[in-house]
mmCIF file of all heavy atoms, coordinates in Angstrom:
data_MODEL
# 
_entry.id   MODEL 
# 
loop_
_atom_site.group_PDB 
_atom_site.id 
_atom_site.type_symbol 
_atom_site.label_atom_id 
_atom_site.label_alt_id 
_atom_site.label_comp_id 
_atom_site.label_asym_id 
_atom_site.label_entity_id 
_atom_site.label_seq_id 
_atom_site.pdbx_PDB_ins_code 
_atom_site.Cartn_x 
_atom_site.Cartn_y 
_atom_site.Cartn_z 
_atom_site.occupancy 
_atom_site.B_iso_or_equiv 
_atom_site.pdbx_formal_charge 
_atom_site.auth_seq_id 
_atom_site.auth_comp_id 
_atom_site.auth_asym_id 
_atom_site.auth_atom_id 
_atom_site.pdbx_PDB_model_num 
ATOM 1   N N   . ASN A 1 1  ? 37.808 26.379 -75.992 1.00 0.00 ? 1  ASN A N   1 
ATOM 2   C CA  . ASN A 1 1  ? 37.883 27.547 -75.160 1.00 0.00 ? 1  ASN A CA  1 
ATOM 3   C C   . ASN A 1 1  ? 36.540 27.856 -74.452 1.00 0.00 ? 1  ASN A C   1 
ATOM 4   O O   . ASN A 1 1  ? 36.462 28.137 -73.264 1.00 0.00 ? 1  ASN A O   1 
ATOM 5   C CB  . ASN A 1 1  ? 38.426 28.767 -75.864 1.00 0.00 ? 1  ASN A CB  1 
ATOM 6   C CG  . ASN A 1 1  ? 39.849 28.625 -76.311 1.00 0.00 ? 1  ASN A CG  1 
ATOM 7   O OD1 . ASN A 1 1  ? 40.585 27.877 -75.731 1.00 0.00 ? 1  ASN A OD1 1 
ATOM 8   N ND2 . ASN A 1 1  ? 40.162 29.351 -77.383 1.00 0.00 ? 1  ASN A ND2 1 
ATOM 9   N N   . VAL A 1 2  ? 35.446 27.669 -75.177 1.00 0.00 ? 2  VAL A N   1 
ATOM 10  C CA  . VAL A 1 2  ? 34.085 27.968 -74.619 1.00 0.00 ? 2  VAL A CA  1 
ATOM 11  C C   . VAL A 1 2  ? 33.838 26.916 -73.573 1.00 0.00 ? 2  VAL A C   1 
ATOM 12  O O   . VAL A 1 2  ? 33.255 27.194 -72.509 1.00 0.00 ? 2  VAL A O   1 
ATOM 13  C CB  . VAL A 1 2  ? 33.016 27.982 -75.762 1.00 0.00 ? 2  VAL A CB  1 
ATOM 14  C CG1 . VAL A 1 2  ? 31.679 28.022 -75.140 1.00 0.00 ? 2  VAL A CG1 1 
ATOM 15  C CG2 . VAL A 1 2  ? 33.255 29.203 -76.641 1.00 0.00 ? 2  VAL A CG2 1 
ATOM 16  N N   . LYS A 1 3  ? 34.188 25.622 -73.875 1.00 0.00 ? 3  LYS A N   1 
ATOM 17  C CA  . LYS A 1 3  ? 33.951 24.621 -72.822 1.00 0.00 ? 3  LYS A CA  1 
ATOM 18  C C   . LYS A 1 3  ? 34.639 24.887 -71.525 1.00 0.00 ? 3  LYS A C   1 
ATOM 19  O O   . LYS A 1 3  ? 34.132 24.702 -70.456 1.00 0.00 ? 3  LYS A O   1 
ATOM 20  C CB  . LYS A 1 3  ? 34.384 23.195 -73.438 1.00 0.00 ? 3  LYS A CB  1 
ATOM 21  C CG  . LYS A 1 3  ? 33.420 22.607 -74.318 1.00 0.00 ? 3  LYS A CG  1 
ATOM 22  C CD  . LYS A 1 3  ? 33.996 21.272 -74.738 1.00 0.00 ? 3  LYS A CD  1 
ATOM 23  C CE  . LYS A 1 3  ? 33.035 20.531 -75.678 1.00 0.00 ? 3  LYS A CE  1 
ATOM 24  N NZ  . LYS A 1 3  ? 33.560 19.158 -75.985 1.00 0.00 ? 3  LYS A NZ  1 
ATOM 25  N N   . ARG A 1 4  ? 35.862 25.424 -71.656 1.00 0.00 ? 4  ARG A N   1 
ATOM 26  C CA  . ARG A 1 4  ? 36.673 25.705 -70.440 1.00 0.00 ? 4  ARG A CA  1 
ATOM 27  C C   . ARG A 1 4  ? 36.031 26.882 -69.711 1.00 0.00 ? 4  ARG A C   1 
ATOM 28  O O   . ARG A 1 4  ? 36.081 26.872 -68.444 1.00 0.00 ? 4  ARG A O   1 
ATOM 29  C CB  . ARG A 1 4  ? 38.110 26.034 -70.839 1.00 0.00 ? 4  ARG A CB  1 
ATOM 30  C CG  . ARG A 1 4  ? 38.903 24.817 -71.236 1.00 0.00 ? 4  ARG A CG  1 
ATOM 31  C CD  . ARG A 1 4  ? 40.309 25.206 -71.578 1.00 0.00 ? 4  ARG A CD  1 
ATOM 32  N NE  . ARG A 1 4  ? 41.021 23.911 -71.896 1.00 0.00 ? 4  ARG A NE  1 
ATOM 33  C CZ  . ARG A 1 4  ? 42.237 23.925 -72.378 1.00 0.00 ? 4  ARG A CZ  1 
ATOM 34  N NH1 . ARG A 1 4  ? 42.926 24.998 -72.564 1.00 0.00 ? 4  ARG A NH1 1 
ATOM 35  N NH2 . ARG A 1 4  ? 42.835 22.745 -72.628 1.00 0.00 ? 4  ARG A NH2 1 
ATOM 36  N N   . GLU A 1 5  ? 35.544 27.842 -70.431 1.00 0.00 ? 5  GLU A N   1 
ATOM 37  C CA  . GLU A 1 5  ? 34.866 28.997 -69.723 1.00 0.00 ? 5  GLU A CA  1 
ATOM 38  C C   . GLU A 1 5  ? 33.617 28.563 -69.040 1.00 0.00 ? 5  GLU A C   1 
ATOM 39  O O   . GLU A 1 5  ? 33.305 29.024 -68.002 1.00 0.00 ? 5  GLU A O   1 
ATOM 40  C CB  . GLU A 1 5  ? 34.631 30.130 -70.698 1.00 0.00 ? 5  GLU A CB  1 
ATOM 41  C CG  . GLU A 1 5  ? 34.206 31.450 -69.922 1.00 0.00 ? 5  GLU A CG  1 
ATOM 42  C CD  . GLU A 1 5  ? 34.323 32.650 -70.735 1.00 0.00 ? 5  GLU A CD  1 
ATOM 43  O OE1 . GLU A 1 5  ? 34.888 32.660 -71.858 1.00 0.00 ? 5  GLU A OE1 1 
ATOM 44  O OE2 . GLU A 1 5  ? 33.876 33.661 -70.243 1.00 0.00 ? 5  GLU A OE2 1 
ATOM 45  N N   . ILE A 1 6  ? 32.810 27.638 -69.657 1.00 0.00 ? 6  ILE A N   1 
ATOM 46  C CA  . ILE A 1 6  ? 31.683 27.086 -69.044 1.00 0.00 ? 6  ILE A CA  1 
ATOM 47  C C   . ILE A 1 6  ? 32.082 26.373 -67.758 1.00 0.00 ? 6  ILE A C   1 
ATOM 48  O O   . ILE A 1 6  ? 31.414 26.516 -66.704 1.00 0.00 ? 6  ILE A O   1 
ATOM 49  C CB  . ILE A 1 6  ? 30.956 26.118 -69.991 1.00 0.00 ? 6  ILE A CB  1 
ATOM 50  C CG1 . ILE A 1 6  ? 30.243 26.848 -71.121 1.00 0.00 ? 6  ILE A CG1 1 
ATOM 51  C CG2 . ILE A 1 6  ? 29.901 25.259 -69.245 1.00 0.00 ? 6  ILE A CG2 1 
ATOM 52  C CD1 . ILE A 1 6  ? 29.672 26.013 -72.237 1.00 0.00 ? 6  ILE A CD1 1 
ATOM 53  N N   . ALA A 1 7  ? 33.139 25.564 -67.725 1.00 0.00 ? 7  ALA A N   1 
ATOM 54  C CA  . ALA A 1 7  ? 33.591 24.958 -66.551 1.00 0.00 ? 7  ALA A CA  1 
ATOM 55  C C   . ALA A 1 7  ? 34.023 25.920 -65.508 1.00 0.00 ? 7  ALA A C   1 
ATOM 56  O O   . ALA A 1 7  ? 33.685 25.690 -64.263 1.00 0.00 ? 7  ALA A O   1 
ATOM 57  C CB  . ALA A 1 7  ? 34.759 24.016 -66.859 1.00 0.00 ? 7  ALA A CB  1 
ATOM 58  N N   . ARG A 1 8  ? 34.626 27.056 -65.829 1.00 0.00 ? 8  ARG A N   1 
ATOM 59  C CA  . ARG A 1 8  ? 34.994 28.050 -64.907 1.00 0.00 ? 8  ARG A CA  1 
ATOM 60  C C   . ARG A 1 8  ? 33.793 28.641 -64.241 1.00 0.00 ? 8  ARG A C   1 
ATOM 61  O O   . ARG A 1 8  ? 33.732 28.837 -62.960 1.00 0.00 ? 8  ARG A O   1 
ATOM 62  C CB  . ARG A 1 8  ? 35.875 29.167 -65.527 1.00 0.00 ? 8  ARG A CB  1 
ATOM 63  C CG  . ARG A 1 8  ? 37.282 28.763 -65.885 1.00 0.00 ? 8  ARG A CG  1 
ATOM 64  C CD  . ARG A 1 8  ? 38.057 29.923 -66.400 1.00 0.00 ? 8  ARG A CD  1 
ATOM 65  N NE  . ARG A 1 8  ? 39.210 29.478 -67.004 1.00 0.00 ? 8  ARG A NE  1 
ATOM 66  C CZ  . ARG A 1 8  ? 39.473 29.489 -68.359 1.00 0.00 ? 8  ARG A CZ  1 
ATOM 67  N NH1 . ARG A 1 8  ? 38.618 29.905 -69.186 1.00 0.00 ? 8  ARG A NH1 1 
ATOM 68  N NH2 . ARG A 1 8  ? 40.675 29.005 -68.802 1.00 0.00 ? 8  ARG A NH2 1 
ATOM 69  N N   . VAL A 1 9  ? 32.786 29.019 -65.045 1.00 0.00 ? 9  VAL A N   1 
ATOM 70  C CA  . VAL A 1 9  ? 31.570 29.662 -64.485 1.00 0.00 ? 9  VAL A CA  1 
ATOM 71  C C   . VAL A 1 9  ? 30.846 28.676 -63.565 1.00 0.00 ? 9  VAL A C   1 
ATOM 72  O O   . VAL A 1 9  ? 30.432 29.051 -62.511 1.00 0.00 ? 9  VAL A O   1 
ATOM 73  C CB  . VAL A 1 9  ? 30.652 30.080 -65.668 1.00 0.00 ? 9  VAL A CB  1 
ATOM 74  C CG1 . VAL A 1 9  ? 29.370 30.561 -65.150 1.00 0.00 ? 9  VAL A CG1 1 
ATOM 75  C CG2 . VAL A 1 9  ? 31.307 31.245 -66.420 1.00 0.00 ? 9  VAL A CG2 1 
ATOM 76  N N   . LYS A 1 10 ? 30.771 27.342 -63.990 1.00 0.00 ? 10 LYS A N   1 
ATOM 77  C CA  . LYS A 1 10 ? 30.039 26.431 -63.100 1.00 0.00 ? 10 LYS A CA  1 
ATOM 78  C C   . LYS A 1 10 ? 30.830 26.171 -61.807 1.00 0.00 ? 10 LYS A C   1 
ATOM 79  O O   . LYS A 1 10 ? 30.212 26.010 -60.789 1.00 0.00 ? 10 LYS A O   1 
ATOM 80  C CB  . LYS A 1 10 ? 29.983 25.058 -63.899 1.00 0.00 ? 10 LYS A CB  1 
ATOM 81  C CG  . LYS A 1 10 ? 28.897 25.043 -64.929 1.00 0.00 ? 10 LYS A CG  1 
ATOM 82  C CD  . LYS A 1 10 ? 28.744 23.683 -65.518 1.00 0.00 ? 10 LYS A CD  1 
ATOM 83  C CE  . LYS A 1 10 ? 27.594 23.577 -66.524 1.00 0.00 ? 10 LYS A CE  1 
ATOM 84  N NZ  . LYS A 1 10 ? 27.458 22.230 -67.071 1.00 0.00 ? 10 LYS A NZ  1 
ATOM 85  N N   . THR A 1 11 ? 32.138 26.272 -61.851 1.00 0.00 ? 11 THR A N   1 
ATOM 86  C CA  . THR A 1 11 ? 32.935 26.088 -60.614 1.00 0.00 ? 11 THR A CA  1 
ATOM 87  C C   . THR A 1 11 ? 32.692 27.245 -59.696 1.00 0.00 ? 11 THR A C   1 
ATOM 88  O O   . THR A 1 11 ? 32.444 27.012 -58.490 1.00 0.00 ? 11 THR A O   1 
ATOM 89  C CB  . THR A 1 11 ? 34.433 26.009 -61.024 1.00 0.00 ? 11 THR A CB  1 
ATOM 90  O OG1 . THR A 1 11 ? 34.649 24.947 -61.853 1.00 0.00 ? 11 THR A OG1 1 
ATOM 91  C CG2 . THR A 1 11 ? 35.260 25.914 -59.756 1.00 0.00 ? 11 THR A CG2 1 
ATOM 92  N N   . VAL A 1 12 ? 32.601 28.400 -60.202 1.00 0.00 ? 12 VAL A N   1 
ATOM 93  C CA  . VAL A 1 12 ? 32.352 29.634 -59.387 1.00 0.00 ? 12 VAL A CA  1 
ATOM 94  C C   . VAL A 1 12 ? 30.960 29.582 -58.755 1.00 0.00 ? 12 VAL A C   1 
ATOM 95  O O   . VAL A 1 12 ? 30.767 29.874 -57.597 1.00 0.00 ? 12 VAL A O   1 
ATOM 96  C CB  . VAL A 1 12 ? 32.683 30.927 -60.112 1.00 0.00 ? 12 VAL A CB  1 
ATOM 97  C CG1 . VAL A 1 12 ? 32.211 32.133 -59.334 1.00 0.00 ? 12 VAL A CG1 1 
ATOM 98  C CG2 . VAL A 1 12 ? 34.170 31.057 -60.472 1.00 0.00 ? 12 VAL A CG2 1 
ATOM 99  N N   . ILE A 1 13 ? 29.964 29.107 -59.619 1.00 0.00 ? 13 ILE A N   1 
ATOM 100 C CA  . ILE A 1 13 ? 28.655 29.040 -59.091 1.00 0.00 ? 13 ILE A CA  1 
ATOM 101 C C   . ILE A 1 13 ? 28.598 28.047 -57.933 1.00 0.00 ? 13 ILE A C   1 
ATOM 102 O O   . ILE A 1 13 ? 27.929 28.281 -56.973 1.00 0.00 ? 13 ILE A O   1 
ATOM 103 C CB  . ILE A 1 13 ? 27.658 28.552 -60.260 1.00 0.00 ? 13 ILE A CB  1 
ATOM 104 C CG1 . ILE A 1 13 ? 27.438 29.720 -61.250 1.00 0.00 ? 13 ILE A CG1 1 
ATOM 105 C CG2 . ILE A 1 13 ? 26.304 28.127 -59.689 1.00 0.00 ? 13 ILE A CG2 1 
ATOM 106 C CD1 . ILE A 1 13 ? 26.693 29.319 -62.537 1.00 0.00 ? 13 ILE A CD1 1 
ATOM 107 N N   . ARG A 1 14 ? 29.257 26.920 -58.086 1.00 0.00 ? 14 ARG A N   1 
ATOM 108 C CA  . ARG A 1 14 ? 29.258 25.901 -57.081 1.00 0.00 ? 14 ARG A CA  1 
ATOM 109 C C   . ARG A 1 14 ? 29.945 26.440 -55.856 1.00 0.00 ? 14 ARG A C   1 
ATOM 110 O O   . ARG A 1 14 ? 29.481 26.196 -54.669 1.00 0.00 ? 14 ARG A O   1 
ATOM 111 C CB  . ARG A 1 14 ? 29.928 24.661 -57.624 1.00 0.00 ? 14 ARG A CB  1 
ATOM 112 C CG  . ARG A 1 14 ? 29.951 23.564 -56.522 1.00 0.00 ? 14 ARG A CG  1 
ATOM 113 C CD  . ARG A 1 14 ? 28.540 23.042 -56.254 1.00 0.00 ? 14 ARG A CD  1 
ATOM 114 N NE  . ARG A 1 14 ? 28.627 21.957 -55.310 1.00 0.00 ? 14 ARG A NE  1 
ATOM 115 C CZ  . ARG A 1 14 ? 27.829 21.781 -54.297 1.00 0.00 ? 14 ARG A CZ  1 
ATOM 116 N NH1 . ARG A 1 14 ? 26.708 22.541 -54.251 1.00 0.00 ? 14 ARG A NH1 1 
ATOM 117 N NH2 . ARG A 1 14 ? 27.942 20.827 -53.466 1.00 0.00 ? 14 ARG A NH2 1 
ATOM 118 N N   . GLU A 1 15 ? 31.079 27.159 -55.984 1.00 0.00 ? 15 GLU A N   1 
ATOM 119 C CA  . GLU A 1 15 ? 31.791 27.672 -54.824 1.00 0.00 ? 15 GLU A CA  1 
ATOM 120 C C   . GLU A 1 15 ? 30.865 28.698 -54.043 1.00 0.00 ? 15 GLU A C   1 
ATOM 121 O O   . GLU A 1 15 ? 30.853 28.706 -52.799 1.00 0.00 ? 15 GLU A O   1 
ATOM 122 C CB  . GLU A 1 15 ? 33.003 28.446 -55.280 1.00 0.00 ? 15 GLU A CB  1 
ATOM 123 C CG  . GLU A 1 15 ? 34.161 27.563 -55.684 1.00 0.00 ? 15 GLU A CG  1 
ATOM 124 C CD  . GLU A 1 15 ? 35.335 28.339 -56.260 1.00 0.00 ? 15 GLU A CD  1 
ATOM 125 O OE1 . GLU A 1 15 ? 35.189 29.581 -56.491 1.00 0.00 ? 15 GLU A OE1 1 
ATOM 126 O OE2 . GLU A 1 15 ? 36.365 27.742 -56.555 1.00 0.00 ? 15 GLU A OE2 1 
ATOM 127 N N   . LYS A 1 16 ? 30.091 29.465 -54.757 1.00 0.00 ? 16 LYS A N   1 
ATOM 128 C CA  . LYS A 1 16 ? 29.200 30.389 -54.078 1.00 0.00 ? 16 LYS A CA  1 
ATOM 129 C C   . LYS A 1 16 ? 28.040 29.670 -53.374 1.00 0.00 ? 16 LYS A C   1 
ATOM 130 O O   . LYS A 1 16 ? 27.628 30.103 -52.289 1.00 0.00 ? 16 LYS A O   1 
ATOM 131 C CB  . LYS A 1 16 ? 28.629 31.387 -55.110 1.00 0.00 ? 16 LYS A CB  1 
ATOM 132 C CG  . LYS A 1 16 ? 29.680 32.414 -55.595 1.00 0.00 ? 16 LYS A CG  1 
ATOM 133 C CD  . LYS A 1 16 ? 29.076 33.492 -56.424 1.00 0.00 ? 16 LYS A CD  1 
ATOM 134 C CE  . LYS A 1 16 ? 30.197 34.469 -56.836 1.00 0.00 ? 16 LYS A CE  1 
ATOM 135 N NZ  . LYS A 1 16 ? 29.776 35.813 -56.780 1.00 0.00 ? 16 LYS A NZ  1 
ATOM 136 N N   . GLN A 1 17 ? 27.607 28.598 -53.933 1.00 0.00 ? 17 GLN A N   1 
ATOM 137 C CA  . GLN A 1 17 ? 26.540 27.826 -53.337 1.00 0.00 ? 17 GLN A CA  1 
ATOM 138 C C   . GLN A 1 17 ? 27.040 27.192 -52.026 1.00 0.00 ? 17 GLN A C   1 
ATOM 139 O O   . GLN A 1 17 ? 26.378 27.183 -50.948 1.00 0.00 ? 17 GLN A O   1 
ATOM 140 C CB  . GLN A 1 17 ? 26.103 26.645 -54.151 1.00 0.00 ? 17 GLN A CB  1 
ATOM 141 C CG  . GLN A 1 17 ? 25.211 27.090 -55.341 1.00 0.00 ? 17 GLN A CG  1 
ATOM 142 C CD  . GLN A 1 17 ? 24.882 25.925 -56.252 1.00 0.00 ? 17 GLN A CD  1 
ATOM 143 O OE1 . GLN A 1 17 ? 25.553 24.850 -56.209 1.00 0.00 ? 17 GLN A OE1 1 
ATOM 144 N NE2 . GLN A 1 17 ? 23.900 26.138 -57.179 1.00 0.00 ? 17 GLN A NE2 1 
ATOM 145 N N   . ILE A 1 18 ? 28.240 26.703 -52.005 1.00 0.00 ? 18 ILE A N   1 
ATOM 146 C CA  . ILE A 1 18 ? 28.899 26.126 -50.813 1.00 0.00 ? 18 ILE A CA  1 
ATOM 147 C C   . ILE A 1 18 ? 29.073 27.208 -49.803 1.00 0.00 ? 18 ILE A C   1 
ATOM 148 O O   . ILE A 1 18 ? 28.891 26.952 -48.558 1.00 0.00 ? 18 ILE A O   1 
ATOM 149 C CB  . ILE A 1 18 ? 30.195 25.370 -51.145 1.00 0.00 ? 18 ILE A CB  1 
ATOM 150 C CG1 . ILE A 1 18 ? 29.925 24.120 -52.000 1.00 0.00 ? 18 ILE A CG1 1 
ATOM 151 C CG2 . ILE A 1 18 ? 30.976 25.067 -49.909 1.00 0.00 ? 18 ILE A CG2 1 
ATOM 152 C CD1 . ILE A 1 18 ? 31.117 23.399 -52.548 1.00 0.00 ? 18 ILE A CD1 1 
ATOM 153 N N   . ALA A 1 19 ? 29.502 28.358 -50.194 1.00 0.00 ? 19 ALA A N   1 
ATOM 154 C CA  . ALA A 1 19 ? 29.795 29.473 -49.269 1.00 0.00 ? 19 ALA A CA  1 
ATOM 155 C C   . ALA A 1 19 ? 28.511 29.936 -48.561 1.00 0.00 ? 19 ALA A C   1 
ATOM 156 O O   . ALA A 1 19 ? 28.499 30.271 -47.348 1.00 0.00 ? 19 ALA A O   1 
ATOM 157 C CB  . ALA A 1 19 ? 30.495 30.632 -49.940 1.00 0.00 ? 19 ALA A CB  1 
ATOM 158 N N   . GLU A 1 20 ? 27.426 29.914 -49.319 1.00 0.00 ? 20 GLU A N   1 
ATOM 159 C CA  . GLU A 1 20 ? 26.163 30.320 -48.764 1.00 0.00 ? 20 GLU A CA  1 
ATOM 160 C C   . GLU A 1 20 ? 25.560 29.366 -47.737 1.00 0.00 ? 20 GLU A C   1 
ATOM 161 O O   . GLU A 1 20 ? 24.936 29.745 -46.863 1.00 0.00 ? 20 GLU A O   1 
ATOM 162 C CB  . GLU A 1 20 ? 25.099 30.486 -49.901 1.00 0.00 ? 20 GLU A CB  1 
ATOM 163 C CG  . GLU A 1 20 ? 25.320 31.695 -50.792 1.00 0.00 ? 20 GLU A CG  1 
ATOM 164 C CD  . GLU A 1 20 ? 24.414 31.721 -52.016 1.00 0.00 ? 20 GLU A CD  1 
ATOM 165 O OE1 . GLU A 1 20 ? 23.558 30.810 -52.177 1.00 0.00 ? 20 GLU A OE1 1 
ATOM 166 O OE2 . GLU A 1 20 ? 24.583 32.644 -52.848 1.00 0.00 ? 20 GLU A OE2 1 
ATOM 167 N N   . THR A 1 21 ? 25.862 28.078 -47.937 1.00 0.00 ? 21 THR A N   1 
ATOM 168 C CA  . THR A 1 21 ? 25.379 27.032 -47.013 1.00 0.00 ? 21 THR A CA  1 
ATOM 169 C C   . THR A 1 21 ? 26.346 26.812 -45.861 1.00 0.00 ? 21 THR A C   1 
ATOM 170 O O   . THR A 1 21 ? 26.111 26.014 -45.024 1.00 0.00 ? 21 THR A O   1 
ATOM 171 C CB  . THR A 1 21 ? 25.112 25.718 -47.745 1.00 0.00 ? 21 THR A CB  1 
ATOM 172 O OG1 . THR A 1 21 ? 26.355 25.218 -48.303 1.00 0.00 ? 21 THR A OG1 1 
ATOM 173 C CG2 . THR A 1 21 ? 24.085 25.882 -48.799 1.00 0.00 ? 21 THR A CG2 1 
ATOM 174 N N   . GLY A 1 22 ? 27.393 27.542 -45.852 1.00 0.00 ? 22 GLY A N   1 
ATOM 175 C CA  . GLY A 1 22 ? 28.379 27.426 -44.720 1.00 0.00 ? 22 GLY A CA  1 
ATOM 176 C C   . GLY A 1 22 ? 29.199 26.200 -44.843 1.00 0.00 ? 22 GLY A C   1 
ATOM 177 O O   . GLY A 1 22 ? 29.721 25.710 -43.825 1.00 0.00 ? 22 GLY A O   1 
ATOM 178 N N   . GLY A 1 23 ? 29.455 25.778 -46.032 1.00 0.00 ? 23 GLY A N   1 
ATOM 179 C CA  . GLY A 1 23 ? 30.319 24.606 -46.245 1.00 0.00 ? 23 GLY A CA  1 
ATOM 180 C C   . GLY A 1 23 ? 29.632 23.265 -46.253 1.00 0.00 ? 23 GLY A C   1 
ATOM 181 O O   . GLY A 1 23 ? 30.284 22.264 -46.505 1.00 0.00 ? 23 GLY A O   1 
ATOM 182 N N   . LYS A 1 24 ? 28.367 23.265 -45.931 1.00 0.00 ? 24 LYS A N   1 
ATOM 183 C CA  . LYS A 1 24 ? 27.617 22.017 -45.959 1.00 0.00 ? 24 LYS A CA  1 
ATOM 184 C C   . LYS A 1 24 ? 26.941 21.827 -47.278 1.00 0.00 ? 24 LYS A C   1 
ATOM 185 O O   . LYS A 1 24 ? 26.094 22.653 -47.660 1.00 0.00 ? 24 LYS A O   1 
ATOM 186 C CB  . LYS A 1 24 ? 26.586 22.009 -44.836 1.00 0.00 ? 24 LYS A CB  1 
ATOM 187 C CG  . LYS A 1 24 ? 27.206 22.116 -43.482 1.00 0.00 ? 24 LYS A CG  1 
ATOM 188 C CD  . LYS A 1 24 ? 26.234 22.123 -42.404 1.00 0.00 ? 24 LYS A CD  1 
ATOM 189 C CE  . LYS A 1 24 ? 26.881 22.334 -41.068 1.00 0.00 ? 24 LYS A CE  1 
ATOM 190 N NZ  . LYS A 1 24 ? 25.927 22.433 -39.946 1.00 0.00 ? 24 LYS A NZ  1 
# 
């Protein structure tokens, strides 16, 4: 369960990084 939550958090962090760079 903790591993899955880590993956969720990392996914959201990455989505925010992509959104900040405009998809690049």
